[in-house]
Amino acid sequence: MQKHNIVVCDSKGVIYKDREPNMAETKAAYAVEDDGKRTLDDVIDGADIFLGCSGPKVLTQEMVKKMARAPLILALANPEPEILPPLAKQVRDDAIICTGRSDYPNQVNNVLCFPFIFRGALDVGATAINEEMKLAAVHAIAELAHAEQSEVVASAYGDQDLSFGPEYIIPKPFDPRLIVKIAPAVAKAAMDSGVATRPIADFDAYIEKLSEFVYKTNLFMKPIFSQARKEPKRVVLAEGEETRVLARHPGAGVSGTGQTDSGGPPERD
């Protein structure tokens, strides 16, 4: 995206040149020519993309109505986004919406990239995390979003449609394939850009090692636990008087995946 196509707003409105003396460099870099537009409502007309990292209710339904066809709305404020997806969909059913929340489609979460960028960087002894490595992570995530879903991911997320489209433009945060896609891409980018001190000679073996790491940790089970918490079940444990059963009794309740009850034989004389 070209810089001249970007308009940045802060709590005071549109950031334009000479808006205030001694403007912070980070803001001044994106200051636009003063055309009289002062608010988000002024500049949202015809916009293709909204990227919000601010607070709740910053973006209104009236603003969404004025956006371009099939707008991309990245409402990333947490815990409440700039606009809730159902409200945006009420006025624009063609909108593609991302939030930072797990209870709506297209969750944008830094867990998608940070652990795996660091994994790739550490494994090659990178002296820096540069733009090439970040871009490699971005491209790996994009490729994974377009990839055919594995049975493991599909079963973990129940009946959700995980094929690329408006409700799925980014992988799920706990997709077990993330580490085997992003870390190698980042490691290779570090090598190609000259910041790796321990280059990887055999990438096939490296990817195999990462695959084993996934299945030896609870990363593989996280989406399953997440789905279980949404639909908690009640489980009755027989022989509840036995120590081995009592030791496991609180498990599901503590994890939020359900309720456990135990039973045993009636007391005898």
C-alpha atoms as a PDB file:
ATOM      1  CA  MET A   1       0.000   0.000   0.000  1.00  0.00           C
ATOM      2  CA  GLN A   2       1.332   3.411  -0.971  1.00  0.00           C
ATOM      3  CA  LYS A   3       1.790   5.970   1.788  1.00  0.00           C
ATOM      4  CA  HIS A   4      -0.272   8.583  -0.065  1.00  0.00           C
ATOM      5  CA  ASN A   5      -3.295   6.268   0.213  1.00  0.00           C
ATOM      6  CA  ILE A   6      -3.135   6.207   4.023  1.00  0.00           C
ATOM      7  CA  VAL A   7      -4.853   8.649   6.376  1.00  0.00           C
ATOM      8  CA  VAL A   8      -4.053   8.310  10.085  1.00  0.00           C
ATOM      9  CA  CYS A   9      -6.283   9.542  12.902  1.00  0.00           C
ATOM     10  CA  ASP A  10      -5.553   9.844  16.600  1.00  0.00           C
ATOM     11  CA  SER A  11      -7.680  10.993  19.532  1.00  0.00           C
ATOM     12  CA  LYS A  12      -7.674  14.530  18.106  1.00  0.00           C
ATOM     13  CA  GLY A  13      -8.776  13.486  14.632  1.00  0.00           C
ATOM     14  CA  VAL A  14      -6.990  13.477  11.274  1.00  0.00           C
ATOM     15  CA  ILE A  15      -3.222  13.938  11.449  1.00  0.00           C
ATOM     16  CA  TYR A  16      -2.416  16.653   8.911  1.00  0.00           C
ATOM     17  CA  LYS A  17       0.614  18.845   8.330  1.00  0.00           C
ATOM     18  CA  ASP A  18       1.071  21.779  10.703  1.00  0.00           C
ATOM     19  CA  ARG A  19      -1.809  20.572  12.873  1.00  0.00           C
ATOM     20  CA  GLU A  20       0.268  21.318  15.922  1.00  0.00           C
ATOM     21  CA  PRO A  21       3.826  22.431  16.713  1.00  0.00           C
ATOM     22  CA  ASN A  22       6.428  19.833  17.676  1.00  0.00           C
ATOM     23  CA  MET A  23       4.358  16.909  16.413  1.00  0.00           C
ATOM     24  CA  ALA A  24       5.879  13.525  17.270  1.00  0.00           C
ATOM     25  CA  GLU A  25       8.007  12.131  14.444  1.00  0.00           C
ATOM     26  CA  THR A  26       5.934   8.959  14.295  1.00  0.00           C
ATOM     27  CA  LYS A  27       2.844  11.049  13.586  1.00  0.00           C
ATOM     28  CA  ALA A  28       4.524  13.616  11.361  1.00  0.00           C
ATOM     29  CA  ALA A  29       5.670  10.816   9.055  1.00  0.00           C
ATOM     30  CA  TYR A  30       2.023  10.180   8.113  1.00  0.00           C
ATOM     31  CA  ALA A  31       0.704  13.734   8.219  1.00  0.00           C
ATOM     32  CA  VAL A  32      -1.327  14.537   5.095  1.00  0.00           C
ATOM     33  CA  GLU A  33      -1.944  17.834   3.352  1.00  0.00           C
ATOM     34  CA  ASP A  34      -4.662  19.877   5.009  1.00  0.00           C
ATOM     35  CA  ASP A  35      -7.798  19.518   2.886  1.00  0.00           C
ATOM     36  CA  GLY A  36     -10.219  20.564   5.594  1.00  0.00           C
ATOM     37  CA  LYS A  37     -11.117  17.031   6.706  1.00  0.00           C
ATOM     38  CA  ARG A  38     -10.820  16.728  10.449  1.00  0.00           C
ATOM     39  CA  THR A  39     -12.506  13.531  11.679  1.00  0.00           C
ATOM     40  CA  LEU A  40     -12.609   9.814  10.981  1.00  0.00           C
ATOM     41  CA  ASP A  41     -16.126  10.301   9.693  1.00  0.00           C
ATOM     42  CA  ASP A  42     -14.795  12.822   7.165  1.00  0.00           C
ATOM     43  CA  VAL A  43     -12.142  10.515   5.706  1.00  0.00           C
ATOM     44  CA  ILE A  44     -13.886   7.114   5.879  1.00  0.00           C
ATOM     45  CA  ASP A  45     -16.017   7.847   2.809  1.00  0.00           C
ATOM     46  CA  GLY A  46     -14.938   5.437   0.046  1.00  0.00           C
ATOM     47  CA  ALA A  47     -12.195   3.839   2.149  1.00  0.00           C
ATOM     48  CA  ASP A  48     -11.251   0.251   1.276  1.00  0.00           C
ATOM     49  CA  ILE A  49      -9.707  -0.590   4.640  1.00  0.00           C
ATOM     50  CA  PHE A  50     -10.189   0.474   8.249  1.00  0.00           C
ATOM     51  CA  LEU A  51      -7.425  -0.460  10.690  1.00  0.00           C
ATOM     52  CA  GLY A  52      -8.252   0.313  14.296  1.00  0.00           C
ATOM     53  CA  CYS A  53      -6.060  -0.130  17.367  1.00  0.00           C
ATOM     54  CA  SER A  54      -7.878   2.358  19.560  1.00  0.00           C
ATOM     55  CA  GLY A  55     -10.994   1.667  21.596  1.00  0.00           C
ATOM     56  CA  PRO A  56     -14.630   0.567  21.527  1.00  0.00           C
ATOM     57  CA  LYS A  57     -17.317   2.218  19.384  1.00  0.00           C
ATOM     58  CA  VAL A  58     -14.863   4.374  17.422  1.00  0.00           C
ATOM     59  CA  LEU A  59     -16.296   3.095  14.123  1.00  0.00           C
ATOM     60  CA  THR A  60     -20.046   3.547  13.700  1.00  0.00           C
ATOM     61  CA  GLN A  61     -22.535   1.848  11.417  1.00  0.00           C
ATOM     62  CA  GLU A  62     -22.972   5.120   9.516  1.00  0.00           C
ATOM     63  CA  MET A  63     -19.237   5.185   8.819  1.00  0.00           C
ATOM     64  CA  VAL A  64     -19.255   1.570   7.648  1.00  0.00           C
ATOM     65  CA  LYS A  65     -22.065   2.367   5.224  1.00  0.00           C
ATOM     66  CA  LYS A  66     -19.835   4.928   3.492  1.00  0.00           C
ATOM     67  CA  MET A  67     -16.900   2.585   2.895  1.00  0.00           C
ATOM     68  CA  ALA A  68     -16.017   1.095  -0.503  1.00  0.00           C
ATOM     69  CA  ARG A  69     -17.337  -2.210  -1.847  1.00  0.00           C
ATOM     70  CA  ALA A  70     -16.334  -5.284   0.215  1.00  0.00           C
ATOM     71  CA  PRO A  71     -14.451  -3.221   2.805  1.00  0.00           C
ATOM     72  CA  LEU A  72     -11.849  -4.812   5.039  1.00  0.00           C
ATOM     73  CA  ILE A  73     -12.491  -3.801   8.648  1.00  0.00           C
ATOM     74  CA  LEU A  74      -9.691  -4.582  11.088  1.00  0.00           C
ATOM     75  CA  ALA A  75     -11.231  -3.627  14.429  1.00  0.00           C
ATOM     76  CA  LEU A  76      -8.450  -4.799  16.723  1.00  0.00           C
ATOM     77  CA  ALA A  77      -9.103  -3.018  20.019  1.00  0.00           C
ATOM     78  CA  ASN A  78      -9.428  -5.410  22.963  1.00  0.00           C
ATOM     79  CA  PRO A  79     -11.504  -6.485  24.773  1.00  0.00           C
ATOM     80  CA  GLU A  80     -14.148  -4.594  22.791  1.00  0.00           C
ATOM     81  CA  PRO A  81     -13.388  -3.739  19.160  1.00  0.00           C
ATOM     82  CA  GLU A  82     -14.062  -0.428  17.425  1.00  0.00           C
ATOM     83  CA  ILE A  83     -17.245  -1.989  16.079  1.00  0.00           C
ATOM     84  CA  LEU A  84     -18.711  -5.415  16.802  1.00  0.00           C
ATOM     85  CA  PRO A  85     -18.916  -7.666  13.726  1.00  0.00           C
ATOM     86  CA  PRO A  86     -22.716  -8.194  13.980  1.00  0.00           C
ATOM     87  CA  LEU A  87     -23.264  -4.422  13.934  1.00  0.00           C
ATOM     88  CA  ALA A  88     -21.038  -3.974  10.894  1.00  0.00           C
ATOM     89  CA  LYS A  89     -22.751  -6.865   9.112  1.00  0.00           C
ATOM     90  CA  GLN A  90     -26.171  -5.328   9.729  1.00  0.00           C
ATOM     91  CA  VAL A  91     -25.331  -2.461   7.386  1.00  0.00           C
ATOM     92  CA  ARG A  92     -22.717  -4.090   5.134  1.00  0.00           C
ATOM     93  CA  ASP A  93     -23.102  -7.799   4.513  1.00  0.00           C
ATOM     94  CA  ASP A  94     -20.166  -7.607   2.081  1.00  0.00           C
ATOM     95  CA  ALA A  95     -17.735  -6.465   4.785  1.00  0.00           C
ATOM     96  CA  ILE A  96     -14.748  -8.624   5.726  1.00  0.00           C
ATOM     97  CA  ILE A  97     -14.190  -8.174   9.442  1.00  0.00           C
ATOM     98  CA  CYS A  98     -11.280  -9.064  11.711  1.00  0.00           C
ATOM     99  CA  THR A  99     -11.063  -8.548  15.462  1.00  0.00           C
ATOM    100  CA  GLY A 100      -8.722  -9.549  18.255  1.00  0.00           C
ATOM    101  CA  ARG A 101     -11.380 -11.766  19.823  1.00  0.00           C
ATOM    102  CA  SER A 102     -11.711 -15.517  19.627  1.00  0.00           C
ATOM    103  CA  ASP A 103     -15.523 -15.501  19.592  1.00  0.00           C
ATOM    104  CA  TYR A 104     -15.683 -14.020  16.083  1.00  0.00           C
ATOM    105  CA  PRO A 105     -14.178 -15.181  12.775  1.00  0.00           C
ATOM    106  CA  ASN A 106     -10.785 -13.877  11.657  1.00  0.00           C
ATOM    107  CA  GLN A 107      -9.117 -13.439  15.030  1.00  0.00           C
ATOM    108  CA  VAL A 108      -5.929 -11.384  14.702  1.00  0.00           C
ATOM    109  CA  ASN A 109      -3.613 -12.464  17.494  1.00  0.00           C
ATOM    110  CA  ASN A 110       0.138 -12.025  17.814  1.00  0.00           C
ATOM    111  CA  VAL A 111       0.379 -15.681  18.836  1.00  0.00           C
ATOM    112  CA  LEU A 112       0.039 -16.336  15.094  1.00  0.00           C
ATOM    113  CA  CYS A 113       3.533 -15.042  14.454  1.00  0.00           C
ATOM    114  CA  PHE A 114       5.644 -14.025  17.456  1.00  0.00           C
ATOM    115  CA  PRO A 115       6.475 -17.511  18.817  1.00  0.00           C
ATOM    116  CA  PHE A 116       7.389 -18.820  15.377  1.00  0.00           C
ATOM    117  CA  ILE A 117       9.398 -15.772  14.316  1.00  0.00           C
ATOM    118  CA  PHE A 118      11.435 -16.197  17.495  1.00  0.00           C
ATOM    119  CA  ARG A 119      11.709 -19.945  16.912  1.00  0.00           C
ATOM    120  CA  GLY A 120      13.134 -19.478  13.432  1.00  0.00           C
ATOM    121  CA  ALA A 121      15.422 -16.658  14.563  1.00  0.00           C
ATOM    122  CA  LEU A 122      16.793 -18.611  17.523  1.00  0.00           C
ATOM    123  CA  ASP A 123      17.341 -21.787  15.530  1.00  0.00           C
ATOM    124  CA  VAL A 124      19.694 -20.023  13.113  1.00  0.00           C
ATOM    125  CA  GLY A 125      21.240 -17.725  15.721  1.00  0.00           C
ATOM    126  CA  ALA A 126      19.958 -14.595  14.009  1.00  0.00           C
ATOM    127  CA  THR A 127      21.679 -11.388  15.080  1.00  0.00           C
ATOM    128  CA  ALA A 128      18.558  -9.362  14.301  1.00  0.00           C
ATOM    129  CA  ILE A 129      14.927  -9.740  13.307  1.00  0.00           C
ATOM    130  CA  ASN A 130      14.814  -7.785  10.065  1.00  0.00           C
ATOM    131  CA  GLU A 131      12.144  -6.838   7.548  1.00  0.00           C
ATOM    132  CA  GLU A 132      12.951  -9.835   5.361  1.00  0.00           C
ATOM    133  CA  MET A 133      12.172 -12.196   8.241  1.00  0.00           C
ATOM    134  CA  LYS A 134       8.928 -10.389   9.072  1.00  0.00           C
ATOM    135  CA  LEU A 135       7.811 -10.511   5.437  1.00  0.00           C
ATOM    136  CA  ALA A 136       8.658 -14.212   5.291  1.00  0.00           C
ATOM    137  CA  ALA A 137       6.330 -14.771   8.254  1.00  0.00           C
ATOM    138  CA  VAL A 138       3.572 -12.754   6.561  1.00  0.00           C
ATOM    139  CA  HIS A 139       3.830 -14.760   3.340  1.00  0.00           C
ATOM    140  CA  ALA A 140       3.874 -18.060   5.247  1.00  0.00           C
ATOM    141  CA  ILE A 141       0.698 -17.104   7.129  1.00  0.00           C
ATOM    142  CA  ALA A 142      -0.990 -16.069   3.873  1.00  0.00           C
ATOM    143  CA  GLU A 143      -0.070 -19.356   2.194  1.00  0.00           C
ATOM    144  CA  LEU A 144      -1.413 -21.310   5.145  1.00  0.00           C
ATOM    145  CA  ALA A 145      -4.728 -19.443   4.984  1.00  0.00           C
ATOM    146  CA  HIS A 146      -5.109 -20.627   1.377  1.00  0.00           C
ATOM    147  CA  ALA A 147      -3.968 -24.184   2.094  1.00  0.00           C
ATOM    148  CA  GLU A 148      -6.381 -27.093   2.281  1.00  0.00           C
ATOM    149  CA  GLN A 149      -7.345 -27.796   5.862  1.00  0.00           C
ATOM    150  CA  SER A 150      -5.931 -30.855   7.568  1.00  0.00           C
ATOM    151  CA  GLU A 151      -8.264 -33.285   9.325  1.00  0.00           C
ATOM    152  CA  VAL A 152      -6.644 -32.366  12.637  1.00  0.00           C
ATOM    153  CA  VAL A 153      -7.510 -28.668  12.327  1.00  0.00           C
ATOM    154  CA  ALA A 154     -10.988 -29.326  10.940  1.00  0.00           C
ATOM    155  CA  SER A 155     -11.903 -31.698  13.771  1.00  0.00           C
ATOM    156  CA  ALA A 156     -10.481 -29.366  16.411  1.00  0.00           C
ATOM    157  CA  TYR A 157     -12.662 -26.464  15.312  1.00  0.00           C
ATOM    158  CA  GLY A 158     -15.885 -28.404  14.899  1.00  0.00           C
ATOM    159  CA  ASP A 159     -18.284 -27.391  12.162  1.00  0.00           C
ATOM    160  CA  GLN A 160     -16.567 -24.108  11.251  1.00  0.00           C
ATOM    161  CA  ASP A 161     -15.870 -23.547   7.558  1.00  0.00           C
ATOM    162  CA  LEU A 162     -12.101 -23.170   7.393  1.00  0.00           C
ATOM    163  CA  SER A 163     -11.766 -22.643   3.656  1.00  0.00           C
ATOM    164  CA  PHE A 164     -10.380 -19.296   2.490  1.00  0.00           C
ATOM    165  CA  GLY A 165     -13.091 -16.660   2.256  1.00  0.00           C
ATOM    166  CA  PRO A 166     -14.642 -13.675   4.083  1.00  0.00           C
ATOM    167  CA  GLU A 167     -15.020 -15.653   7.327  1.00  0.00           C
ATOM    168  CA  TYR A 168     -11.546 -17.175   7.120  1.00  0.00           C
ATOM    169  CA  ILE A 169      -8.796 -14.926   5.758  1.00  0.00           C
ATOM    170  CA  ILE A 170      -6.251 -15.802   8.442  1.00  0.00           C
ATOM    171  CA  PRO A 171      -5.360 -19.137  10.109  1.00  0.00           C
ATOM    172  CA  LYS A 172      -6.638 -19.995  13.552  1.00  0.00           C
ATOM    173  CA  PRO A 173      -4.217 -18.973  16.331  1.00  0.00           C
ATOM    174  CA  PHE A 174      -3.633 -22.554  17.458  1.00  0.00           C
ATOM    175  CA  ASP A 175      -3.364 -24.211  14.069  1.00  0.00           C
ATOM    176  CA  PRO A 176      -0.603 -26.793  14.725  1.00  0.00           C
ATOM    177  CA  ARG A 177       0.790 -26.217  11.231  1.00  0.00           C
ATOM    178  CA  LEU A 178       1.884 -22.661  12.037  1.00  0.00           C
ATOM    179  CA  ILE A 179       5.219 -23.635  13.539  1.00  0.00           C
ATOM    180  CA  VAL A 180       6.226 -25.884  10.635  1.00  0.00           C
ATOM    181  CA  LYS A 181       5.354 -23.183   8.092  1.00  0.00           C
ATOM    182  CA  ILE A 182       6.491 -19.939   9.694  1.00  0.00           C
ATOM    183  CA  ALA A 183       9.652 -20.907  11.583  1.00  0.00           C
ATOM    184  CA  PRO A 184      11.401 -22.447   8.533  1.00  0.00           C
ATOM    185  CA  ALA A 185      10.393 -19.473   6.365  1.00  0.00           C
ATOM    186  CA  VAL A 186      11.823 -17.059   8.930  1.00  0.00           C
ATOM    187  CA  ALA A 187      14.985 -19.127   9.346  1.00  0.00           C
ATOM    188  CA  LYS A 188      15.571 -19.198   5.591  1.00  0.00           C
ATOM    189  CA  ALA A 189      14.967 -15.449   5.306  1.00  0.00           C
ATOM    190  CA  ALA A 190      17.531 -14.870   8.057  1.00  0.00           C
ATOM    191  CA  MET A 191      20.037 -16.986   6.147  1.00  0.00           C
ATOM    192  CA  ASP A 192      19.320 -15.275   2.819  1.00  0.00           C
ATOM    193  CA  SER A 193      19.599 -11.795   4.347  1.00  0.00           C
ATOM    194  CA  GLY A 194      22.900 -12.541   6.074  1.00  0.00           C
ATOM    195  CA  VAL A 195      21.916 -12.337   9.745  1.00  0.00           C
ATOM    196  CA  ALA A 196      22.070 -16.080  10.539  1.00  0.00           C
ATOM    197  CA  THR A 197      25.120 -17.306  12.471  1.00  0.00           C
ATOM    198  CA  ARG A 198      24.088 -20.991  12.469  1.00  0.00           C
ATOM    199  CA  PRO A 199      22.670 -21.778   9.001  1.00  0.00           C
ATOM    200  CA  ILE A 200      20.449 -24.840   8.700  1.00  0.00           C
ATOM    201  CA  ALA A 201      21.887 -27.415   6.301  1.00  0.00           C
ATOM    202  CA  ASP A 202      18.921 -29.793   6.067  1.00  0.00           C
ATOM    203  CA  PHE A 203      15.536 -28.062   6.073  1.00  0.00           C
ATOM    204  CA  ASP A 204      13.619 -31.321   5.669  1.00  0.00           C
ATOM    205  CA  ALA A 205      15.123 -32.623   8.907  1.00  0.00           C
ATOM    206  CA  TYR A 206      14.467 -29.269  10.594  1.00  0.00           C
ATOM    207  CA  ILE A 207      10.793 -29.315   9.618  1.00  0.00           C
ATOM    208  CA  GLU A 208      10.483 -32.905  10.827  1.00  0.00           C
ATOM    209  CA  LYS A 209      11.948 -31.875  14.180  1.00  0.00           C
ATOM    210  CA  LEU A 210       9.454 -29.021  14.452  1.00  0.00           C
ATOM    211  CA  SER A 211       6.602 -31.421  13.655  1.00  0.00           C
ATOM    212  CA  GLU A 212       7.649 -33.685  16.501  1.00  0.00           C
ATOM    213  CA  PHE A 213       7.787 -30.665  18.808  1.00  0.00           C
ATOM    214  CA  VAL A 214       4.128 -29.853  18.063  1.00  0.00           C
ATOM    215  CA  TYR A 215       2.859 -33.273  19.007  1.00  0.00           C
ATOM    216  CA  LYS A 216       4.977 -33.456  22.153  1.00  0.00           C
ATOM    217  CA  THR A 217       3.489 -30.252  23.588  1.00  0.00           C
ATOM    218  CA  ASN A 218       0.014 -29.045  24.460  1.00  0.00           C
ATOM    219  CA  LEU A 219       0.010 -26.761  21.390  1.00  0.00           C
ATOM    220  CA  PHE A 220      -1.692 -29.558  19.483  1.00  0.00           C
ATOM    221  CA  MET A 221      -4.468 -29.815  22.087  1.00  0.00           C
ATOM    222  CA  LYS A 222      -5.221 -26.096  22.566  1.00  0.00           C
ATOM    223  CA  PRO A 223      -7.885 -25.808  19.836  1.00  0.00           C
ATOM    224  CA  ILE A 224      -9.557 -28.952  21.154  1.00  0.00           C
ATOM    225  CA  PHE A 225      -9.682 -27.537  24.696  1.00  0.00           C
ATOM    226  CA  SER A 226     -10.958 -24.226  23.317  1.00  0.00           C
ATOM    227  CA  GLN A 227     -13.815 -25.963  21.513  1.00  0.00           C
ATOM    228  CA  ALA A 228     -14.634 -28.022  24.619  1.00  0.00           C
ATOM    229  CA  ARG A 229     -14.945 -24.869  26.739  1.00  0.00           C
ATOM    230  CA  LYS A 230     -17.575 -23.518  24.355  1.00  0.00           C
ATOM    231  CA  GLU A 231     -19.727 -26.636  24.784  1.00  0.00           C
ATOM    232  CA  PRO A 232     -19.015 -27.950  28.301  1.00  0.00           C
ATOM    233  CA  LYS A 233     -20.306 -31.425  29.093  1.00  0.00           C
ATOM    234  CA  ARG A 234     -21.202 -33.165  32.316  1.00  0.00           C
ATOM    235  CA  VAL A 235     -19.308 -36.353  33.032  1.00  0.00           C
ATOM    236  CA  VAL A 236     -20.173 -38.810  35.816  1.00  0.00           C
ATOM    237  CA  LEU A 237     -17.270 -40.848  37.184  1.00  0.00           C
ATOM    238  CA  ALA A 238     -18.148 -44.220  38.654  1.00  0.00           C
ATOM    239  CA  GLU A 239     -16.288 -45.698  41.611  1.00  0.00           C
ATOM    240  CA  GLY A 240     -15.899 -42.177  42.973  1.00  0.00           C
ATOM    241  CA  GLU A 241     -14.732 -43.395  46.343  1.00  0.00           C
ATOM    242  CA  GLU A 242     -11.429 -44.562  44.901  1.00  0.00           C
ATOM    243  CA  THR A 243      -8.368 -42.359  45.312  1.00  0.00           C
ATOM    244  CA  ARG A 244      -7.401 -42.591  41.630  1.00  0.00           C
ATOM    245  CA  VAL A 245     -10.827 -41.196  40.629  1.00  0.00           C
ATOM    246  CA  LEU A 246     -10.939 -38.488  43.299  1.00  0.00           C
ATOM    247  CA  ALA A 247      -7.503 -37.286  42.190  1.00  0.00           C
ATOM    248  CA  ARG A 248      -8.895 -36.550  38.724  1.00  0.00           C
ATOM    249  CA  HIS A 249     -12.285 -35.221  39.790  1.00  0.00           C
ATOM    250  CA  PRO A 250     -11.582 -31.447  39.513  1.00  0.00           C
ATOM    251  CA  GLY A 251      -9.829 -31.685  36.145  1.00  0.00           C
ATOM    252  CA  ALA A 252     -12.569 -30.718  33.714  1.00  0.00           C
ATOM    253  CA  GLY A 253     -14.035 -28.086  35.997  1.00  0.00           C
ATOM    254  CA  VAL A 254     -10.707 -26.364  36.572  1.00  0.00           C
ATOM    255  CA  SER A 255      -9.901 -26.326  32.845  1.00  0.00           C
ATOM    256  CA  GLY A 256     -13.373 -25.046  31.993  1.00  0.00           C
ATOM    257  CA  THR A 257     -14.129 -27.942  29.667  1.00  0.00           C
ATOM    258  CA  GLY A 258     -17.027 -29.321  31.672  1.00  0.00           C
ATOM    259  CA  GLN A 259     -18.391 -30.507  35.007  1.00  0.00           C
ATOM    260  CA  THR A 260     -17.422 -33.745  36.692  1.00  0.00           C
ATOM    261  CA  ASP A 261     -19.446 -35.637  39.282  1.00  0.00           C
ATOM    262  CA  SER A 262     -18.425 -38.813  41.019  1.00  0.00           C
ATOM    263  CA  GLY A 263     -20.523 -41.602  42.420  1.00  0.00           C
ATOM    264  CA  GLY A 264     -19.932 -44.700  44.456  1.00  0.00           C
ATOM    265  CA  PRO A 265     -21.709 -47.604  46.123  1.00  0.00           C
ATOM    266  CA  PRO A 266     -24.075 -46.887  49.042  1.00  0.00           C
ATOM    267  CA  GLU A 267     -22.588 -47.148  52.500  1.00  0.00           C
ATOM    268  CA  ARG A 268     -22.687 -50.650  53.910  1.00  0.00           C
ATOM    269  CA  ASP A 269     -23.392 -51.688  57.493  1.00  0.00           C
END
